[in-house]
Amino acid sequence: MSGTVNWTAPRPLALSFTPMLAGLVLVAATAATIMSEPRPGQEGMAVPVILFLSAAFLAVHSLHLRLISKLTNPTDS
């Protein structure tokens, strides 16, 4: 509560968190599309949703890596 950092994750753990989370979410979303019956009008939405989730995770991970790069190399743009 004092505002000071008292723990940081090891670099490999921190960098692998987003891809692991993406894998879990994409596996769950794919399993849900395989195991459940779509509602009327949503028959063709499974692939676009999976692609959107994949793109969102790629964007977030890219942002994460960019922010880390800016923090560790403040002179680089």
PDB file of N, CA and C in Angstrom:
ATOM      1  N   MET A   1       0.807  -1.194   0.000  1.00  0.00           N
ATOM      2  CA  MET A   1       0.000   0.000   0.000  1.00  0.00           C
ATOM      3  C   MET A   1       0.854   1.264   0.000  1.00  0.00           C
ATOM      4  N   SER A   2       2.175   1.104   0.160  1.00  0.00           N
ATOM      5  CA  SER A   2       3.040   2.279   0.202  1.00  0.00           C
ATOM      6  C   SER A   2       3.337   2.821  -1.196  1.00  0.00           C
ATOM      7  N   GLY A   3       3.038   2.066  -2.246  1.00  0.00           N
ATOM      8  CA  GLY A   3       3.303   2.513  -3.601  1.00  0.00           C
ATOM      9  C   GLY A   3       4.633   2.039  -4.149  1.00  0.00           C
ATOM     10  N   THR A   4       5.384   1.284  -3.379  1.00  0.00           N
ATOM     11  CA  THR A   4       6.656   0.762  -3.869  1.00  0.00           C
ATOM     12  C   THR A   4       6.470  -0.653  -4.406  1.00  0.00           C
ATOM     13  N   VAL A   5       7.274  -0.998  -5.389  1.00  0.00           N
ATOM     14  CA  VAL A   5       7.215  -2.336  -5.975  1.00  0.00           C
ATOM     15  C   VAL A   5       7.894  -3.303  -5.019  1.00  0.00           C
ATOM     16  N   ASN A   6       7.192  -4.387  -4.662  1.00  0.00           N
ATOM     17  CA  ASN A   6       7.785  -5.348  -3.741  1.00  0.00           C
ATOM     18  C   ASN A   6       7.997  -6.719  -4.387  1.00  0.00           C
ATOM     19  N   TRP A   7       7.571  -6.884  -5.653  1.00  0.00           N
ATOM     20  CA  TRP A   7       7.781  -8.144  -6.347  1.00  0.00           C
ATOM     21  C   TRP A   7       7.650  -7.906  -7.842  1.00  0.00           C
ATOM     22  N   THR A   8       8.495  -8.548  -8.626  1.00  0.00           N
ATOM     23  CA  THR A   8       8.365  -8.534 -10.079  1.00  0.00           C
ATOM     24  C   THR A   8       8.481  -9.958 -10.577  1.00  0.00           C
ATOM     25  N   ALA A   9       7.788 -10.229 -11.663  1.00  0.00           N
ATOM     26  CA  ALA A   9       7.831 -11.570 -12.251  1.00  0.00           C
ATOM     27  C   ALA A   9       9.133 -11.751 -13.022  1.00  0.00           C
ATOM     28  N   PRO A  10       9.665 -12.963 -13.043  1.00  0.00           N
ATOM     29  CA  PRO A  10      10.829 -13.219 -13.895  1.00  0.00           C
ATOM     30  C   PRO A  10      10.468 -12.943 -15.361  1.00  0.00           C
ATOM     31  N   ARG A  11      11.432 -12.489 -16.141  1.00  0.00           N
ATOM     32  CA  ARG A  11      11.185 -12.093 -17.533  1.00  0.00           C
ATOM     33  C   ARG A  11      10.511 -13.188 -18.361  1.00  0.00           C
ATOM     34  N   PRO A  12      10.987 -14.448 -18.329  1.00  0.00           N
ATOM     35  CA  PRO A  12      10.316 -15.477 -19.146  1.00  0.00           C
ATOM     36  C   PRO A  12       8.843 -15.661 -18.767  1.00  0.00           C
ATOM     37  N   LEU A  13       8.532 -15.587 -17.492  1.00  0.00           N
ATOM     38  CA  LEU A  13       7.148 -15.722 -17.053  1.00  0.00           C
ATOM     39  C   LEU A  13       6.314 -14.547 -17.534  1.00  0.00           C
ATOM     40  N   ALA A  14       6.849 -13.342 -17.397  1.00  0.00           N
ATOM     41  CA  ALA A  14       6.115 -12.154 -17.810  1.00  0.00           C
ATOM     42  C   ALA A  14       5.865 -12.142 -19.312  1.00  0.00           C
ATOM     43  N   LEU A  15       6.862 -12.544 -20.104  1.00  0.00           N
ATOM     44  CA  LEU A  15       6.708 -12.526 -21.554  1.00  0.00           C
ATOM     45  C   LEU A  15       5.858 -13.675 -22.076  1.00  0.00           C
ATOM     46  N   SER A  16       5.739 -14.744 -21.320  1.00  0.00           N
ATOM     47  CA  SER A  16       4.936 -15.871 -21.791  1.00  0.00           C
ATOM     48  C   SER A  16       3.502 -15.832 -21.277  1.00  0.00           C
ATOM     49  N   PHE A  17       3.160 -14.871 -20.443  1.00  0.00           N
ATOM     50  CA  PHE A  17       1.809 -14.821 -19.892  1.00  0.00           C
ATOM     51  C   PHE A  17       0.765 -14.589 -20.981  1.00  0.00           C
ATOM     52  N   THR A  18       0.965 -13.596 -21.847  1.00  0.00           N
ATOM     53  CA  THR A  18      -0.024 -13.294 -22.877  1.00  0.00           C
ATOM     54  C   THR A  18      -0.200 -14.443 -23.863  1.00  0.00           C
ATOM     55  N   PRO A  19       0.874 -15.051 -24.389  1.00  0.00           N
ATOM     56  CA  PRO A  19       0.658 -16.193 -25.292  1.00  0.00           C
ATOM     57  C   PRO A  19      -0.030 -17.386 -24.613  1.00  0.00           C
ATOM     58  N   MET A  20       0.294 -17.635 -23.338  1.00  0.00           N
ATOM     59  CA  MET A  20      -0.387 -18.737 -22.630  1.00  0.00           C
ATOM     60  C   MET A  20      -1.871 -18.425 -22.459  1.00  0.00           C
ATOM     61  N   LEU A  21      -2.180 -17.199 -22.078  1.00  0.00           N
ATOM     62  CA  LEU A  21      -3.575 -16.794 -21.933  1.00  0.00           C
ATOM     63  C   LEU A  21      -4.293 -16.879 -23.273  1.00  0.00           C
ATOM     64  N   ALA A  22      -3.640 -16.439 -24.339  1.00  0.00           N
ATOM     65  CA  ALA A  22      -4.243 -16.519 -25.674  1.00  0.00           C
ATOM     66  C   ALA A  22      -4.534 -17.966 -26.048  1.00  0.00           C
ATOM     67  N   GLY A  23      -3.595 -18.844 -25.789  1.00  0.00           N
ATOM     68  CA  GLY A  23      -3.811 -20.257 -26.101  1.00  0.00           C
ATOM     69  C   GLY A  23      -5.001 -20.834 -25.359  1.00  0.00           C
ATOM     70  N   LEU A  24      -5.101 -20.526 -24.076  1.00  0.00           N
ATOM     71  CA  LEU A  24      -6.236 -21.032 -23.288  1.00  0.00           C
ATOM     72  C   LEU A  24      -7.572 -20.493 -23.804  1.00  0.00           C
ATOM     73  N   VAL A  25      -7.620 -19.200 -24.085  1.00  0.00           N
ATOM     74  CA  VAL A  25      -8.864 -18.593 -24.556  1.00  0.00           C
ATOM     75  C   VAL A  25      -9.231 -19.132 -25.934  1.00  0.00           C
ATOM     76  N   LEU A  26      -8.256 -19.264 -26.827  1.00  0.00           N
ATOM     77  CA  LEU A  26      -8.556 -19.762 -28.171  1.00  0.00           C
ATOM     78  C   LEU A  26      -8.975 -21.231 -28.158  1.00  0.00           C
ATOM     79  N   VAL A  27      -8.356 -22.025 -27.306  1.00  0.00           N
ATOM     80  CA  VAL A  27      -8.782 -23.428 -27.184  1.00  0.00           C
ATOM     81  C   VAL A  27     -10.203 -23.501 -26.636  1.00  0.00           C
ATOM     82  N   ALA A  28     -10.501 -22.694 -25.624  1.00  0.00           N
ATOM     83  CA  ALA A  28     -11.854 -22.683 -25.059  1.00  0.00           C
ATOM     84  C   ALA A  28     -12.883 -22.204 -26.082  1.00  0.00           C
ATOM     85  N   ALA A  29     -12.555 -21.160 -26.839  1.00  0.00           N
ATOM     86  CA  ALA A  29     -13.487 -20.653 -27.849  1.00  0.00           C
ATOM     87  C   ALA A  29     -13.702 -21.670 -28.963  1.00  0.00           C
ATOM     88  N   THR A  30     -12.634 -22.324 -29.386  1.00  0.00           N
ATOM     89  CA  THR A  30     -12.758 -23.344 -30.430  1.00  0.00           C
ATOM     90  C   THR A  30     -13.571 -24.529 -29.929  1.00  0.00           C
ATOM     91  N   ALA A  31     -13.318 -24.956 -28.708  1.00  0.00           N
ATOM     92  CA  ALA A  31     -14.096 -26.067 -28.131  1.00  0.00           C
ATOM     93  C   ALA A  31     -15.569 -25.687 -28.018  1.00  0.00           C
ATOM     94  N   ALA A  32     -15.840 -24.448 -27.654  1.00  0.00           N
ATOM     95  CA  ALA A  32     -17.233 -24.016 -27.534  1.00  0.00           C
ATOM     96  C   ALA A  32     -17.927 -24.028 -28.889  1.00  0.00           C
ATOM     97  N   THR A  33     -17.215 -23.654 -29.954  1.00  0.00           N
ATOM     98  CA  THR A  33     -17.846 -23.675 -31.278  1.00  0.00           C
ATOM     99  C   THR A  33     -18.061 -25.099 -31.778  1.00  0.00           C
ATOM    100  N   ILE A  34     -17.204 -26.018 -31.364  1.00  0.00           N
ATOM    101  CA  ILE A  34     -17.355 -27.406 -31.793  1.00  0.00           C
ATOM    102  C   ILE A  34     -18.462 -28.112 -31.015  1.00  0.00           C
ATOM    103  N   MET A  35     -18.540 -27.854 -29.721  1.00  0.00           N
ATOM    104  CA  MET A  35     -19.450 -28.605 -28.849  1.00  0.00           C
ATOM    105  C   MET A  35     -20.853 -28.029 -28.727  1.00  0.00           C
ATOM    106  N   SER A  36     -21.047 -26.783 -29.098  1.00  0.00           N
ATOM    107  CA  SER A  36     -22.374 -26.193 -28.921  1.00  0.00           C
ATOM    108  C   SER A  36     -23.024 -25.892 -30.262  1.00  0.00           C
ATOM    109  N   GLU A  37     -24.329 -25.860 -30.254  1.00  0.00           N
ATOM    110  CA  GLU A  37     -25.113 -25.556 -31.445  1.00  0.00           C
ATOM    111  C   GLU A  37     -25.296 -24.044 -31.529  1.00  0.00           C
ATOM    112  N   PRO A  38     -24.974 -23.430 -32.682  1.00  0.00           N
ATOM    113  CA  PRO A  38     -25.133 -21.975 -32.781  1.00  0.00           C
ATOM    114  C   PRO A  38     -26.600 -21.556 -32.786  1.00  0.00           C
ATOM    115  N   ARG A  39     -26.836 -20.355 -32.330  1.00  0.00           N
ATOM    116  CA  ARG A  39     -28.195 -19.800 -32.375  1.00  0.00           C
ATOM    117  C   ARG A  39     -28.543 -19.455 -33.816  1.00  0.00           C
ATOM    118  N   PRO A  40     -29.814 -19.352 -34.126  1.00  0.00           N
ATOM    119  CA  PRO A  40     -30.195 -18.978 -35.498  1.00  0.00           C
ATOM    120  C   PRO A  40     -29.582 -17.627 -35.886  1.00  0.00           C
ATOM    121  N   GLY A  41     -28.948 -17.587 -37.051  1.00  0.00           N
ATOM    122  CA  GLY A  41     -28.313 -16.369 -37.529  1.00  0.00           C
ATOM    123  C   GLY A  41     -26.841 -16.263 -37.174  1.00  0.00           C
ATOM    124  N   GLN A  42     -26.342 -17.167 -36.328  1.00  0.00           N
ATOM    125  CA  GLN A  42     -24.944 -17.119 -35.914  1.00  0.00           C
ATOM    126  C   GLN A  42     -24.133 -18.291 -36.472  1.00  0.00           C
ATOM    127  N   GLU A  43     -24.657 -18.962 -37.461  1.00  0.00           N
ATOM    128  CA  GLU A  43     -24.003 -20.163 -37.981  1.00  0.00           C
ATOM    129  C   GLU A  43     -22.610 -19.873 -38.551  1.00  0.00           C
ATOM    130  N   GLY A  44     -22.430 -18.760 -39.210  1.00  0.00           N
ATOM    131  CA  GLY A  44     -21.157 -18.471 -39.852  1.00  0.00           C
ATOM    132  C   GLY A  44     -20.231 -17.572 -39.052  1.00  0.00           C
ATOM    133  N   MET A  45     -20.488 -17.405 -37.770  1.00  0.00           N
ATOM    134  CA  MET A  45     -19.704 -16.458 -36.974  1.00  0.00           C
ATOM    135  C   MET A  45     -18.544 -17.092 -36.210  1.00  0.00           C
ATOM    136  N   ALA A  46     -18.405 -18.396 -36.217  1.00  0.00           N
ATOM    137  CA  ALA A  46     -17.361 -19.048 -35.422  1.00  0.00           C
ATOM    138  C   ALA A  46     -15.962 -18.661 -35.893  1.00  0.00           C
ATOM    139  N   VAL A  47     -15.713 -18.763 -37.170  1.00  0.00           N
ATOM    140  CA  VAL A  47     -14.376 -18.456 -37.692  1.00  0.00           C
ATOM    141  C   VAL A  47     -14.030 -16.976 -37.524  1.00  0.00           C
ATOM    142  N   PRO A  48     -14.917 -16.030 -37.855  1.00  0.00           N
ATOM    143  CA  PRO A  48     -14.571 -14.624 -37.630  1.00  0.00           C
ATOM    144  C   PRO A  48     -14.289 -14.285 -36.161  1.00  0.00           C
ATOM    145  N   VAL A  49     -14.994 -14.909 -35.252  1.00  0.00           N
ATOM    146  CA  VAL A  49     -14.760 -14.643 -33.822  1.00  0.00           C
ATOM    147  C   VAL A  49     -13.387 -15.164 -33.407  1.00  0.00           C
ATOM    148  N   ILE A  50     -13.024 -16.355 -33.836  1.00  0.00           N
ATOM    149  CA  ILE A  50     -11.705 -16.915 -33.515  1.00  0.00           C
ATOM    150  C   ILE A  50     -10.606 -16.047 -34.118  1.00  0.00           C
ATOM    151  N   LEU A  51     -10.792 -15.591 -35.359  1.00  0.00           N
ATOM    152  CA  LEU A  51      -9.800 -14.720 -35.999  1.00  0.00           C
ATOM    153  C   LEU A  51      -9.688 -13.382 -35.274  1.00  0.00           C
ATOM    154  N   PHE A  52     -10.816 -12.828 -34.837  1.00  0.00           N
ATOM    155  CA  PHE A  52     -10.786 -11.573 -34.089  1.00  0.00           C
ATOM    156  C   PHE A  52     -10.057 -11.746 -32.761  1.00  0.00           C
ATOM    157  N   LEU A  53     -10.344 -12.822 -32.059  1.00  0.00           N
ATOM    158  CA  LEU A  53      -9.646 -13.076 -30.791  1.00  0.00           C
ATOM    159  C   LEU A  53      -8.146 -13.231 -31.017  1.00  0.00           C
ATOM    160  N   SER A  54      -7.768 -13.936 -32.068  1.00  0.00           N
ATOM    161  CA  SER A  54      -6.343 -14.114 -32.384  1.00  0.00           C
ATOM    162  C   SER A  54      -5.676 -12.779 -32.675  1.00  0.00           C
ATOM    163  N   ALA A  55      -6.323 -11.948 -33.479  1.00  0.00           N
ATOM    164  CA  ALA A  55      -5.765 -10.634 -33.817  1.00  0.00           C
ATOM    165  C   ALA A  55      -5.664  -9.745 -32.576  1.00  0.00           C
ATOM    166  N   ALA A  56      -6.666  -9.817 -31.713  1.00  0.00           N
ATOM    167  CA  ALA A  56      -6.634  -9.005 -30.493  1.00  0.00           C
ATOM    168  C   ALA A  56      -5.475  -9.421 -29.591  1.00  0.00           C
ATOM    169  N   PHE A  57      -5.256 -10.722 -29.432  1.00  0.00           N
ATOM    170  CA  PHE A  57      -4.141 -11.177 -28.603  1.00  0.00           C
ATOM    171  C   PHE A  57      -2.796 -10.806 -29.225  1.00  0.00           C
ATOM    172  N   LEU A  58      -2.674 -10.889 -30.548  1.00  0.00           N
ATOM    173  CA  LEU A  58      -1.435 -10.463 -31.201  1.00  0.00           C
ATOM    174  C   LEU A  58      -1.175  -8.983 -30.975  1.00  0.00           C
ATOM    175  N   ALA A  59      -2.220  -8.168 -31.071  1.00  0.00           N
ATOM    176  CA  ALA A  59      -2.063  -6.731 -30.858  1.00  0.00           C
ATOM    177  C   ALA A  59      -1.666  -6.425 -29.424  1.00  0.00           C
ATOM    178  N   VAL A  60      -2.293  -7.072 -28.474  1.00  0.00           N
ATOM    179  CA  VAL A  60      -1.971  -6.829 -27.065  1.00  0.00           C
ATOM    180  C   VAL A  60      -0.547  -7.276 -26.749  1.00  0.00           C
ATOM    181  N   HIS A  61      -0.129  -8.420 -27.281  1.00  0.00           N
ATOM    182  CA  HIS A  61       1.228  -8.894 -27.021  1.00  0.00           C
ATOM    183  C   HIS A  61       2.256  -7.980 -27.689  1.00  0.00           C
ATOM    184  N   SER A  62       1.958  -7.497 -28.886  1.00  0.00           N
ATOM    185  CA  SER A  62       2.853  -6.550 -29.548  1.00  0.00           C
ATOM    186  C   SER A  62       2.981  -5.269 -28.742  1.00  0.00           C
ATOM    187  N   LEU A  63       1.866  -4.779 -28.222  1.00  0.00           N
ATOM    188  CA  LEU A  63       1.903  -3.590 -27.368  1.00  0.00           C
ATOM    189  C   LEU A  63       2.733  -3.857 -26.116  1.00  0.00           C
ATOM    190  N   HIS A  64       2.553  -5.018 -25.527  1.00  0.00           N
ATOM    191  CA  HIS A  64       3.302  -5.399 -24.327  1.00  0.00           C
ATOM    192  C   HIS A  64       4.808  -5.379 -24.611  1.00  0.00           C
ATOM    193  N   LEU A  65       5.217  -5.993 -25.723  1.00  0.00           N
ATOM    194  CA  LEU A  65       6.634  -6.018 -26.084  1.00  0.00           C
ATOM    195  C   LEU A  65       7.159  -4.615 -26.396  1.00  0.00           C
ATOM    196  N   ARG A  66       6.343  -3.790 -27.039  1.00  0.00           N
ATOM    197  CA  ARG A  66       6.764  -2.419 -27.357  1.00  0.00           C
ATOM    198  C   ARG A  66       6.952  -1.603 -26.081  1.00  0.00           C
ATOM    199  N   LEU A  67       6.041  -1.734 -25.145  1.00  0.00           N
ATOM    200  CA  LEU A  67       6.166  -0.995 -23.889  1.00  0.00           C
ATOM    201  C   LEU A  67       7.387  -1.453 -23.102  1.00  0.00           C
ATOM    202  N   ILE A  68       7.662  -2.754 -23.113  1.00  0.00           N
ATOM    203  CA  ILE A  68       8.864  -3.262 -22.445  1.00  0.00           C
ATOM    204  C   ILE A  68      10.111  -2.694 -23.113  1.00  0.00           C
ATOM    205  N   SER A  69      10.109  -2.657 -24.439  1.00  0.00           N
ATOM    206  CA  SER A  69      11.254  -2.124 -25.175  1.00  0.00           C
ATOM    207  C   SER A  69      11.487  -0.647 -24.849  1.00  0.00           C
ATOM    208  N   LYS A  70      10.406   0.117 -24.777  1.00  0.00           N
ATOM    209  CA  LYS A  70      10.544   1.542 -24.451  1.00  0.00           C
ATOM    210  C   LYS A  70      11.054   1.734 -23.025  1.00  0.00           C
ATOM    211  N   LEU A  71      10.654   0.855 -22.137  1.00  0.00           N
ATOM    212  CA  LEU A  71      11.095   0.975 -20.743  1.00  0.00           C
ATOM    213  C   LEU A  71      12.561   0.604 -20.597  1.00  0.00           C
ATOM    214  N   THR A  72      12.989  -0.442 -21.293  1.00  0.00           N
ATOM    215  CA  THR A  72      14.371  -0.901 -21.147  1.00  0.00           C
ATOM    216  C   THR A  72      15.351  -0.130 -22.024  1.00  0.00           C
ATOM    217  N   ASN A  73      14.869   0.476 -23.120  1.00  0.00           N
ATOM    218  CA  ASN A  73      15.723   1.270 -24.022  1.00  0.00           C
ATOM    219  C   ASN A  73      15.073   2.632 -24.252  1.00  0.00           C
ATOM    220  N   PRO A  74      15.150   3.543 -23.306  1.00  0.00           N
ATOM    221  CA  PRO A  74      14.426   4.808 -23.450  1.00  0.00           C
ATOM    222  C   PRO A  74      14.930   5.691 -24.588  1.00  0.00           C
ATOM    223  N   THR A  75      16.144   5.463 -25.096  1.00  0.00           N
ATOM    224  CA  THR A  75      16.641   6.286 -26.199  1.00  0.00           C
ATOM    225  C   THR A  75      16.124   5.853 -27.551  1.00  0.00           C
ATOM    226  N   ASP A  76      15.676   4.579 -27.695  1.00  0.00           N
ATOM    227  CA  ASP A  76      15.134   4.075 -28.948  1.00  0.00           C
ATOM    228  C   ASP A  76      13.693   4.532 -29.099  1.00  0.00           C
ATOM    229  N   SER A  77      13.257   4.735 -30.328  1.00  0.00           N
ATOM    230  CA  SER A  77      11.869   5.149 -30.559  1.00  0.00           C
ATOM    231  C   SER A  77      11.062   4.012 -31.120  1.00  0.00           C
TER     232      SER A  77
END
